[in-house]
């Protein structure tokens, strides 16, 4: 179960980085289908199935939010690097013309 939760968080982060929030609906449906197949193969109880659905969807959503935040952090870092590059540029040696 821990591998599914970690994989769900990673998959959610990728989705959050590149897609809008509505992509979580088919991703959640895929997670439910995956757990349903796992339940049939391994023979887990219904309680484990519903608990797994809740945990996997929560990890997808948490990963999605993490992906959104990482997008904004990288954009802010690039803007900050541009600001630093402009502030380190040497001043022009030509005198300014004042009228």
PDB file of N, CA and C in Angstrom:
ATOM      1  N   UNK A   1       0.822  -1.193   0.000  1.00  0.00           N
ATOM      2  CA  UNK A   1       0.000   0.000   0.000  1.00  0.00           C
ATOM      3  C   UNK A   1       0.865   1.256   0.000  1.00  0.00           C
ATOM      4  N   UNK A   2       2.011   1.204   0.680  1.00  0.00           N
ATOM      5  CA  UNK A   2       2.887   2.378   0.747  1.00  0.00           C
ATOM      6  C   UNK A   2       3.428   2.744  -0.629  1.00  0.00           C
ATOM      7  N   UNK A   3       3.685   1.738  -1.451  1.00  0.00           N
ATOM      8  CA  UNK A   3       4.174   2.005  -2.802  1.00  0.00           C
ATOM      9  C   UNK A   3       3.091   2.686  -3.631  1.00  0.00           C
ATOM     10  N   UNK A   4       1.849   2.259  -3.473  1.00  0.00           N
ATOM     11  CA  UNK A   4       0.750   2.896  -4.197  1.00  0.00           C
ATOM     12  C   UNK A   4       0.565   4.343  -3.778  1.00  0.00           C
ATOM     13  N   UNK A   5       0.690   4.613  -2.488  1.00  0.00           N
ATOM     14  CA  UNK A   5       0.527   5.980  -1.998  1.00  0.00           C
ATOM     15  C   UNK A   5       1.662   6.876  -2.502  1.00  0.00           C
ATOM     16  N   UNK A   6       2.901   6.387  -2.437  1.00  0.00           N
ATOM     17  CA  UNK A   6       4.031   7.167  -2.942  1.00  0.00           C
ATOM     18  C   UNK A   6       3.919   7.367  -4.450  1.00  0.00           C
ATOM     19  N   UNK A   7       3.510   6.327  -5.176  1.00  0.00           N
ATOM     20  CA  UNK A   7       3.311   6.457  -6.619  1.00  0.00           C
ATOM     21  C   UNK A   7       2.188   7.423  -6.950  1.00  0.00           C
ATOM     22  N   UNK A   8       1.126   7.401  -6.160  1.00  0.00           N
ATOM     23  CA  UNK A   8       0.020   8.339  -6.365  1.00  0.00           C
ATOM     24  C   UNK A   8       0.444   9.776  -6.141  1.00  0.00           C
ATOM     25  N   UNK A   9       1.263  10.005  -5.124  1.00  0.00           N
ATOM     26  CA  UNK A   9       1.748  11.363  -4.863  1.00  0.00           C
ATOM     27  C   UNK A   9       2.660  11.838  -5.993  1.00  0.00           C
ATOM     28  N   UNK A  10       3.523  10.965  -6.483  1.00  0.00           N
ATOM     29  CA  UNK A  10       4.408  11.333  -7.593  1.00  0.00           C
ATOM     30  C   UNK A  10       3.594  11.606  -8.852  1.00  0.00           C
ATOM     31  N   UNK A  11       2.626  10.730  -9.150  1.00  0.00           N
ATOM     32  CA  UNK A  11       1.776  10.911 -10.323  1.00  0.00           C
ATOM     33  C   UNK A  11       0.966  12.203 -10.200  1.00  0.00           C
ATOM     34  N   UNK A  12       0.473  12.504  -9.006  1.00  0.00           N
ATOM     35  CA  UNK A  12      -0.257  13.749  -8.778  1.00  0.00           C
ATOM     36  C   UNK A  12       0.624  14.970  -8.982  1.00  0.00           C
ATOM     37  N   UNK A  13       1.900  14.883  -8.562  1.00  0.00           N
ATOM     38  CA  UNK A  13       2.819  16.011  -8.765  1.00  0.00           C
ATOM     39  C   UNK A  13       3.069  16.254 -10.246  1.00  0.00           C
ATOM     40  N   UNK A  14       3.194  15.188 -11.014  1.00  0.00           N
ATOM     41  CA  UNK A  14       3.372  15.341 -12.466  1.00  0.00           C
ATOM     42  C   UNK A  14       2.119  15.962 -13.081  1.00  0.00           C
ATOM     43  N   UNK A  15       0.958  15.495 -12.661  1.00  0.00           N
ATOM     44  CA  UNK A  15      -0.285  16.061 -13.170  1.00  0.00           C
ATOM     45  C   UNK A  15      -0.434  17.525 -12.779  1.00  0.00           C
ATOM     46  N   UNK A  16      -0.061  17.871 -11.552  1.00  0.00           N
ATOM     47  CA  UNK A  16      -0.162  19.251 -11.096  1.00  0.00           C
ATOM     48  C   UNK A  16       0.782  20.179 -11.830  1.00  0.00           C
ATOM     49  N   UNK A  17       1.881  19.662 -12.275  1.00  0.00           N
ATOM     50  CA  UNK A  17       2.870  20.476 -12.980  1.00  0.00           C
ATOM     51  C   UNK A  17       2.408  20.816 -14.394  1.00  0.00           C
ATOM     52  N   UNK A  18       1.665  19.907 -15.032  1.00  0.00           N
ATOM     53  CA  UNK A  18       1.368  20.092 -16.453  1.00  0.00           C
ATOM     54  C   UNK A  18      -0.109  20.210 -16.820  1.00  0.00           C
ATOM     55  N   UNK A  19      -1.039  19.888 -15.902  1.00  0.00           N
ATOM     56  CA  UNK A  19      -2.448  19.848 -16.273  1.00  0.00           C
ATOM     57  C   UNK A  19      -3.305  20.645 -15.299  1.00  0.00           C
ATOM     58  N   UNK A  20      -4.560  20.893 -15.703  1.00  0.00           N
ATOM     59  CA  UNK A  20      -5.517  21.574 -14.840  1.00  0.00           C
ATOM     60  C   UNK A  20      -6.147  20.576 -13.872  1.00  0.00           C
ATOM     61  N   UNK A  21      -6.912  21.096 -12.924  1.00  0.00           N
ATOM     62  CA  UNK A  21      -7.418  20.285 -11.817  1.00  0.00           C
ATOM     63  C   UNK A  21      -8.398  19.197 -12.273  1.00  0.00           C
ATOM     64  N   UNK A  22      -9.082  19.392 -13.385  1.00  0.00           N
ATOM     65  CA  UNK A  22     -10.055  18.398 -13.827  1.00  0.00           C
ATOM     66  C   UNK A  22      -9.420  17.075 -14.229  1.00  0.00           C
ATOM     67  N   UNK A  23      -8.119  17.042 -14.392  1.00  0.00           N
ATOM     68  CA  UNK A  23      -7.448  15.787 -14.730  1.00  0.00           C
ATOM     69  C   UNK A  23      -7.474  14.817 -13.536  1.00  0.00           C
ATOM     70  N   UNK A  24      -7.780  15.326 -12.348  1.00  0.00           N
ATOM     71  CA  UNK A  24      -7.844  14.455 -11.175  1.00  0.00           C
ATOM     72  C   UNK A  24      -9.042  13.503 -11.224  1.00  0.00           C
ATOM     73  N   UNK A  25     -10.070  13.844 -11.985  1.00  0.00           N
ATOM     74  CA  UNK A  25     -11.242  12.970 -12.071  1.00  0.00           C
ATOM     75  C   UNK A  25     -10.889  11.651 -12.765  1.00  0.00           C
ATOM     76  N   UNK A  26     -10.315  11.684 -13.986  1.00  0.00           N
ATOM     77  CA  UNK A  26      -9.932  10.387 -14.577  1.00  0.00           C
ATOM     78  C   UNK A  26      -8.786   9.712 -13.823  1.00  0.00           C
ATOM     79  N   UNK A  27      -7.916  10.491 -13.205  1.00  0.00           N
ATOM     80  CA  UNK A  27      -6.832   9.881 -12.426  1.00  0.00           C
ATOM     81  C   UNK A  27      -7.400   9.152 -11.212  1.00  0.00           C
ATOM     82  N   UNK A  28      -8.406   9.733 -10.577  1.00  0.00           N
ATOM     83  CA  UNK A  28      -9.067   9.069  -9.454  1.00  0.00           C
ATOM     84  C   UNK A  28      -9.803   7.815  -9.899  1.00  0.00           C
ATOM     85  N   UNK A  29     -10.439   7.884 -11.078  1.00  0.00           N
ATOM     86  CA  UNK A  29     -11.123   6.699 -11.609  1.00  0.00           C
ATOM     87  C   UNK A  29     -10.115   5.588 -11.917  1.00  0.00           C
ATOM     88  N   UNK A  30      -8.960   5.977 -12.443  1.00  0.00           N
ATOM     89  CA  UNK A  30      -7.903   4.997 -12.704  1.00  0.00           C
ATOM     90  C   UNK A  30      -7.407   4.371 -11.402  1.00  0.00           C
ATOM     91  N   UNK A  31      -7.294   5.183 -10.362  1.00  0.00           N
ATOM     92  CA  UNK A  31      -6.858   4.680  -9.057  1.00  0.00           C
ATOM     93  C   UNK A  31      -7.875   3.691  -8.488  1.00  0.00           C
ATOM     94  N   UNK A  32      -9.159   4.002  -8.636  1.00  0.00           N
ATOM     95  CA  UNK A  32     -10.196   3.094  -8.147  1.00  0.00           C
ATOM     96  C   UNK A  32     -10.156   1.776  -8.914  1.00  0.00           C
ATOM     97  N   UNK A  33      -9.994   1.868 -10.237  1.00  0.00           N
ATOM     98  CA  UNK A  33      -9.916   0.643 -11.045  1.00  0.00           C
ATOM     99  C   UNK A  33      -8.691  -0.184 -10.661  1.00  0.00           C
ATOM    100  N   UNK A  34      -7.579   0.481 -10.421  1.00  0.00           N
ATOM    101  CA  UNK A  34      -6.364  -0.225 -10.022  1.00  0.00           C
ATOM    102  C   UNK A  34      -6.554  -0.948  -8.687  1.00  0.00           C
ATOM    103  N   UNK A  35      -7.175  -0.283  -7.746  1.00  0.00           N
ATOM    104  CA  UNK A  35      -7.413  -0.917  -6.451  1.00  0.00           C
ATOM    105  C   UNK A  35      -8.450  -2.037  -6.535  1.00  0.00           C
ATOM    106  N   UNK A  36      -9.420  -1.880  -7.429  1.00  0.00           N
ATOM    107  CA  UNK A  36     -10.417  -2.931  -7.601  1.00  0.00           C
ATOM    108  C   UNK A  36      -9.776  -4.198  -8.170  1.00  0.00           C
ATOM    109  N   UNK A  37      -8.889  -4.032  -9.140  1.00  0.00           N
ATOM    110  CA  UNK A  37      -8.170  -5.183  -9.691  1.00  0.00           C
ATOM    111  C   UNK A  37      -7.274  -5.793  -8.627  1.00  0.00           C
ATOM    112  N   UNK A  38      -6.617  -4.948  -7.860  1.00  0.00           N
ATOM    113  CA  UNK A  38      -5.746  -5.443  -6.787  1.00  0.00           C
ATOM    114  C   UNK A  38      -6.551  -6.223  -5.747  1.00  0.00           C
ATOM    115  N   UNK A  39      -7.753  -5.752  -5.443  1.00  0.00           N
ATOM    116  CA  UNK A  39      -8.598  -6.434  -4.471  1.00  0.00           C
ATOM    117  C   UNK A  39      -9.005  -7.808  -4.987  1.00  0.00           C
ATOM    118  N   UNK A  40      -9.336  -7.888  -6.275  1.00  0.00           N
ATOM    119  CA  UNK A  40      -9.758  -9.168  -6.845  1.00  0.00           C
ATOM    120  C   UNK A  40      -8.605 -10.168  -6.885  1.00  0.00           C
ATOM    121  N   UNK A  41      -7.412  -9.680  -7.170  1.00  0.00           N
ATOM    122  CA  UNK A  41      -6.260 -10.576  -7.268  1.00  0.00           C
ATOM    123  C   UNK A  41      -5.803 -11.026  -5.883  1.00  0.00           C
ATOM    124  N   UNK A  42      -5.662 -10.079  -4.958  1.00  0.00           N
ATOM    125  CA  UNK A  42      -5.099 -10.396  -3.652  1.00  0.00           C
ATOM    126  C   UNK A  42      -6.150 -10.841  -2.638  1.00  0.00           C
ATOM    127  N   UNK A  43      -7.414 -10.556  -2.902  1.00  0.00           N
ATOM    128  CA  UNK A  43      -8.460 -11.002  -1.994  1.00  0.00           C
ATOM    129  C   UNK A  43      -8.561 -10.191  -0.716  1.00  0.00           C
ATOM    130  N   UNK A  44      -8.329  -8.887  -0.793  1.00  0.00           N
ATOM    131  CA  UNK A  44      -8.453  -8.034   0.389  1.00  0.00           C
ATOM    132  C   UNK A  44      -9.926  -7.780   0.717  1.00  0.00           C
ATOM    133  N   UNK A  45     -10.183  -7.312   1.916  1.00  0.00           N
ATOM    134  CA  UNK A  45     -11.551  -7.027   2.349  1.00  0.00           C
ATOM    135  C   UNK A  45     -12.018  -5.707   1.759  1.00  0.00           C
ATOM    136  N   UNK A  46     -13.323  -5.488   1.871  1.00  0.00           N
ATOM    137  CA  UNK A  46     -13.887  -4.242   1.369  1.00  0.00           C
ATOM    138  C   UNK A  46     -13.390  -3.046   2.177  1.00  0.00           C
ATOM    139  N   UNK A  47     -13.157  -3.240   3.455  1.00  0.00           N
ATOM    140  CA  UNK A  47     -12.644  -2.151   4.279  1.00  0.00           C
ATOM    141  C   UNK A  47     -11.270  -1.708   3.784  1.00  0.00           C
ATOM    142  N   UNK A  48     -10.413  -2.657   3.474  1.00  0.00           N
ATOM    143  CA  UNK A  48      -9.098  -2.315   2.919  1.00  0.00           C
ATOM    144  C   UNK A  48      -9.238  -1.602   1.583  1.00  0.00           C
ATOM    145  N   UNK A  49     -10.217  -2.035   0.795  1.00  0.00           N
ATOM    146  CA  UNK A  49     -10.447  -1.421  -0.514  1.00  0.00           C
ATOM    147  C   UNK A  49     -10.834   0.048  -0.364  1.00  0.00           C
ATOM    148  N   UNK A  50     -11.808   0.341   0.506  1.00  0.00           N
ATOM    149  CA  UNK A  50     -12.255   1.722   0.677  1.00  0.00           C
ATOM    150  C   UNK A  50     -11.199   2.588   1.353  1.00  0.00           C
ATOM    151  N   UNK A  51     -10.472   2.022   2.277  1.00  0.00           N
ATOM    152  CA  UNK A  51      -9.369   2.747   2.902  1.00  0.00           C
ATOM    153  C   UNK A  51      -8.291   3.068   1.867  1.00  0.00           C
ATOM    154  N   UNK A  52      -8.002   2.116   1.014  1.00  0.00           N
ATOM    155  CA  UNK A  52      -7.021   2.330  -0.056  1.00  0.00           C
ATOM    156  C   UNK A  52      -7.461   3.409  -1.019  1.00  0.00           C
ATOM    157  N   UNK A  53      -8.752   3.433  -1.367  1.00  0.00           N
ATOM    158  CA  UNK A  53      -9.268   4.478  -2.256  1.00  0.00           C
ATOM    159  C   UNK A  53      -9.069   5.846  -1.621  1.00  0.00           C
ATOM    160  N   UNK A  54      -9.437   5.970  -0.360  1.00  0.00           N
ATOM    161  CA  UNK A  54      -9.282   7.259   0.320  1.00  0.00           C
ATOM    162  C   UNK A  54      -7.835   7.703   0.384  1.00  0.00           C
ATOM    163  N   UNK A  55      -6.952   6.793   0.732  1.00  0.00           N
ATOM    164  CA  UNK A  55      -5.537   7.151   0.836  1.00  0.00           C
ATOM    165  C   UNK A  55      -4.923   7.484  -0.520  1.00  0.00           C
ATOM    166  N   UNK A  56      -5.284   6.722  -1.542  1.00  0.00           N
ATOM    167  CA  UNK A  56      -4.710   6.957  -2.868  1.00  0.00           C
ATOM    168  C   UNK A  56      -5.210   8.258  -3.478  1.00  0.00           C
ATOM    169  N   UNK A  57      -6.485   8.553  -3.320  1.00  0.00           N
ATOM    170  CA  UNK A  57      -7.007   9.819  -3.848  1.00  0.00           C
ATOM    171  C   UNK A  57      -6.439  10.995  -3.062  1.00  0.00           C
ATOM    172  N   UNK A  58      -6.282  10.842  -1.751  1.00  0.00           N
ATOM    173  CA  UNK A  58      -5.670  11.912  -0.958  1.00  0.00           C
ATOM    174  C   UNK A  58      -4.217  12.135  -1.376  1.00  0.00           C
ATOM    175  N   UNK A  59      -3.491  11.055  -1.662  1.00  0.00           N
ATOM    176  CA  UNK A  59      -2.101  11.229  -2.095  1.00  0.00           C
ATOM    177  C   UNK A  59      -2.034  11.844  -3.483  1.00  0.00           C
ATOM    178  N   UNK A  60      -2.979  11.513  -4.369  1.00  0.00           N
ATOM    179  CA  UNK A  60      -3.042  12.162  -5.676  1.00  0.00           C
ATOM    180  C   UNK A  60      -3.254  13.669  -5.529  1.00  0.00           C
ATOM    181  N   UNK A  61      -4.190  14.052  -4.663  1.00  0.00           N
ATOM    182  CA  UNK A  61      -4.488  15.467  -4.474  1.00  0.00           C
ATOM    183  C   UNK A  61      -3.317  16.204  -3.826  1.00  0.00           C
ATOM    184  N   UNK A  62      -2.692  15.582  -2.846  1.00  0.00           N
ATOM    185  CA  UNK A  62      -1.530  16.206  -2.210  1.00  0.00           C
ATOM    186  C   UNK A  62      -0.383  16.366  -3.207  1.00  0.00           C
ATOM    187  N   UNK A  63      -0.165  15.346  -4.017  1.00  0.00           N
ATOM    188  CA  UNK A  63       0.849  15.444  -5.056  1.00  0.00           C
ATOM    189  C   UNK A  63       0.510  16.511  -6.073  1.00  0.00           C
ATOM    190  N   UNK A  64      -0.771  16.656  -6.413  1.00  0.00           N
ATOM    191  CA  UNK A  64      -1.196  17.693  -7.360  1.00  0.00           C
ATOM    192  C   UNK A  64      -0.883  19.080  -6.821  1.00  0.00           C
ATOM    193  N   UNK A  65      -1.190  19.314  -5.560  1.00  0.00           N
ATOM    194  CA  UNK A  65      -0.897  20.612  -4.943  1.00  0.00           C
ATOM    195  C   UNK A  65       0.608  20.856  -4.904  1.00  0.00           C
ATOM    196  N   UNK A  66       1.377  19.821  -4.617  1.00  0.00           N
ATOM    197  CA  UNK A  66       2.833  19.942  -4.622  1.00  0.00           C
ATOM    198  C   UNK A  66       3.343  20.308  -6.009  1.00  0.00           C
ATOM    199  N   UNK A  67       2.775  19.709  -7.043  1.00  0.00           N
ATOM    200  CA  UNK A  67       3.156  20.042  -8.413  1.00  0.00           C
ATOM    201  C   UNK A  67       2.815  21.476  -8.761  1.00  0.00           C
ATOM    202  N   UNK A  68       1.661  21.952  -8.302  1.00  0.00           N
ATOM    203  CA  UNK A  68       1.300  23.354  -8.542  1.00  0.00           C
ATOM    204  C   UNK A  68       2.277  24.303  -7.864  1.00  0.00           C
ATOM    205  N   UNK A  69       2.619  23.994  -6.621  1.00  0.00           N
ATOM    206  CA  UNK A  69       3.546  24.855  -5.876  1.00  0.00           C
ATOM    207  C   UNK A  69       4.916  24.847  -6.531  1.00  0.00           C
ATOM    208  N   UNK A  70       5.360  23.691  -7.001  1.00  0.00           N
ATOM    209  CA  UNK A  70       6.686  23.634  -7.630  1.00  0.00           C
ATOM    210  C   UNK A  70       6.723  24.451  -8.910  1.00  0.00           C
ATOM    211  N   UNK A  71       5.608  24.540  -9.622  1.00  0.00           N
ATOM    212  CA  UNK A  71       5.552  25.373 -10.827  1.00  0.00           C
ATOM    213  C   UNK A  71       5.751  26.828 -10.466  1.00  0.00           C
ATOM    214  N   UNK A  72       5.082  27.284  -9.408  1.00  0.00           N
ATOM    215  CA  UNK A  72       5.200  28.683  -9.013  1.00  0.00           C
ATOM    216  C   UNK A  72       6.562  28.993  -8.418  1.00  0.00           C
ATOM    217  N   UNK A  73       7.149  28.039  -7.715  1.00  0.00           N
ATOM    218  CA  UNK A  73       8.477  28.261  -7.137  1.00  0.00           C
ATOM    219  C   UNK A  73       9.518  28.392  -8.238  1.00  0.00           C
ATOM    220  N   UNK A  74       9.440  27.549  -9.259  1.00  0.00           N
ATOM    221  CA  UNK A  74      10.430  27.639 -10.335  1.00  0.00           C
ATOM    222  C   UNK A  74      10.258  28.927 -11.124  1.00  0.00           C
ATOM    223  N   UNK A  75       9.026  29.393 -11.329  1.00  0.00           N
ATOM    224  CA  UNK A  75       8.806  30.662 -12.031  1.00  0.00           C
ATOM    225  C   UNK A  75       9.339  31.828 -11.206  1.00  0.00           C
ATOM    226  N   UNK A  76       9.140  31.787  -9.894  1.00  0.00           N
ATOM    227  CA  UNK A  76       9.652  32.850  -9.035  1.00  0.00           C
ATOM    228  C   UNK A  76      11.171  32.844  -9.000  1.00  0.00           C
ATOM    229  N   UNK A  77      11.771  31.662  -9.000  1.00  0.00           N
ATOM    230  CA  UNK A  77      13.232  31.570  -8.999  1.00  0.00           C
ATOM    231  C   UNK A  77      13.814  32.124 -10.291  1.00  0.00           C
ATOM    232  N   UNK A  78      13.170  31.864 -11.421  1.00  0.00           N
ATOM    233  CA  UNK A  78      13.656  32.408 -12.683  1.00  0.00           C
ATOM    234  C   UNK A  78      13.537  33.923 -12.706  1.00  0.00           C
ATOM    235  N   UNK A  79      12.450  34.445 -12.177  1.00  0.00           N
ATOM    236  CA  UNK A  79      12.299  35.900 -12.093  1.00  0.00           C
ATOM    237  C   UNK A  79      13.349  36.514 -11.191  1.00  0.00           C
ATOM    238  N   UNK A  80      13.665  35.846 -10.090  1.00  0.00           N
ATOM    239  CA  UNK A  80      14.684  36.348  -9.172  1.00  0.00           C
ATOM    240  C   UNK A  80      16.056  36.317  -9.816  1.00  0.00           C
ATOM    241  N   UNK A  81      16.356  35.257 -10.585  1.00  0.00           N
ATOM    242  CA  UNK A  81      17.640  35.185 -11.282  1.00  0.00           C
ATOM    243  C   UNK A  81      17.768  36.314 -12.299  1.00  0.00           C
ATOM    244  N   UNK A  82      16.676  36.627 -13.003  1.00  0.00           N
ATOM    245  CA  UNK A  82      16.690  37.743 -13.958  1.00  0.00           C
ATOM    246  C   UNK A  82      16.928  39.070 -13.259  1.00  0.00           C
ATOM    247  N   UNK A  83      16.334  39.242 -12.083  1.00  0.00           N
ATOM    248  CA  UNK A  83      16.541  40.465 -11.315  1.00  0.00           C
ATOM    249  C   UNK A  83      17.995  40.589 -10.886  1.00  0.00           C
ATOM    250  N   UNK A  84      18.587  39.489 -10.421  1.00  0.00           N
ATOM    251  CA  UNK A  84      19.989  39.519 -10.016  1.00  0.00           C
ATOM    252  C   UNK A  84      20.907  39.827 -11.195  1.00  0.00           C
ATOM    253  N   UNK A  85      20.603  39.270 -12.357  1.00  0.00           N
ATOM    254  CA  UNK A  85      21.430  39.519 -13.538  1.00  0.00           C
ATOM    255  C   UNK A  85      21.355  40.980 -13.948  1.00  0.00           C
ATOM    256  N   UNK A  86      20.190  41.601 -13.841  1.00  0.00           N
ATOM    257  CA  UNK A  86      20.062  43.020 -14.198  1.00  0.00           C
ATOM    258  C   UNK A  86      20.766  43.905 -13.182  1.00  0.00           C
ATOM    259  N   UNK A  87      20.738  43.536 -11.927  1.00  0.00           N
ATOM    260  CA  UNK A  87      21.354  44.386 -10.908  1.00  0.00           C
ATOM    261  C   UNK A  87      22.878  44.271 -10.917  1.00  0.00           C
ATOM    262  N   UNK A  88      23.424  43.187 -11.428  1.00  0.00           N
ATOM    263  CA  UNK A  88      24.877  43.015 -11.479  1.00  0.00           C
ATOM    264  C   UNK A  88      25.487  43.587 -12.747  1.00  0.00           C
ATOM    265  N   UNK A  89      24.679  44.003 -13.694  1.00  0.00           N
ATOM    266  CA  UNK A  89      25.165  44.543 -14.939  1.00  0.00           C
ATOM    267  C   UNK A  89      25.926  45.840 -14.654  1.00  0.00           C
ATOM    268  N   UNK A  90      27.141  46.004 -15.190  1.00  0.00           N
ATOM    269  CA  UNK A  90      27.899  47.218 -14.911  1.00  0.00           C
ATOM    270  C   UNK A  90      27.234  48.440 -15.526  1.00  0.00           C
ATOM    271  N   UNK A  91      27.397  49.525 -14.857  1.00  0.00           N
ATOM    272  CA  UNK A  91      26.833  50.780 -15.354  1.00  0.00           C
ATOM    273  C   UNK A  91      27.589  51.203 -16.600  1.00  0.00           C
ATOM    274  N   UNK A  92      26.916  51.908 -17.430  1.00  0.00           N
ATOM    275  CA  UNK A  92      27.519  52.372 -18.682  1.00  0.00           C
ATOM    276  C   UNK A  92      28.593  53.410 -18.391  1.00  0.00           C
ATOM    277  N   UNK A  93      29.700  53.381 -19.163  1.00  0.00           N
ATOM    278  CA  UNK A  93      30.781  54.322 -18.945  1.00  0.00           C
ATOM    279  C   UNK A  93      30.519  55.648 -19.651  1.00  0.00           C
ATOM    280  N   UNK A  94      29.506  55.699 -20.488  1.00  0.00           N
ATOM    281  CA  UNK A  94      29.190  56.948 -21.182  1.00  0.00           C
ATOM    282  C   UNK A  94      28.486  57.890 -20.223  1.00  0.00           C
ATOM    283  N   UNK A  95      28.825  59.149 -20.304  1.00  0.00           N
ATOM    284  CA  UNK A  95      28.126  60.126 -19.435  1.00  0.00           C
ATOM    285  C   UNK A  95      26.688  60.305 -19.906  1.00  0.00           C
ATOM    286  N   UNK A  96      25.839  60.554 -18.972  1.00  0.00           N
ATOM    287  CA  UNK A  96      24.428  60.792 -19.311  1.00  0.00           C
ATOM    288  C   UNK A  96      24.262  62.216 -19.769  1.00  0.00           C
ATOM    289  N   UNK A  97      23.397  62.431 -20.721  1.00  0.00           N
ATOM    290  CA  UNK A  97      23.128  63.791 -21.245  1.00  0.00           C
ATOM    291  C   UNK A  97      21.981  64.385 -20.456  1.00  0.00           C
ATOM    292  N   UNK A  98      22.288  65.496 -19.853  1.00  0.00           N
ATOM    293  CA  UNK A  98      21.249  66.190 -19.103  1.00  0.00           C
ATOM    294  C   UNK A  98      20.984  67.523 -19.759  1.00  0.00           C
ATOM    295  N   UNK A  99      19.742  67.863 -19.926  1.00  0.00           N
ATOM    296  CA  UNK A  99      19.411  69.140 -20.557  1.00  0.00           C
ATOM    297  C   UNK A  99      18.825  70.101 -19.567  1.00  0.00           C
TER     298      UNK A  99
END
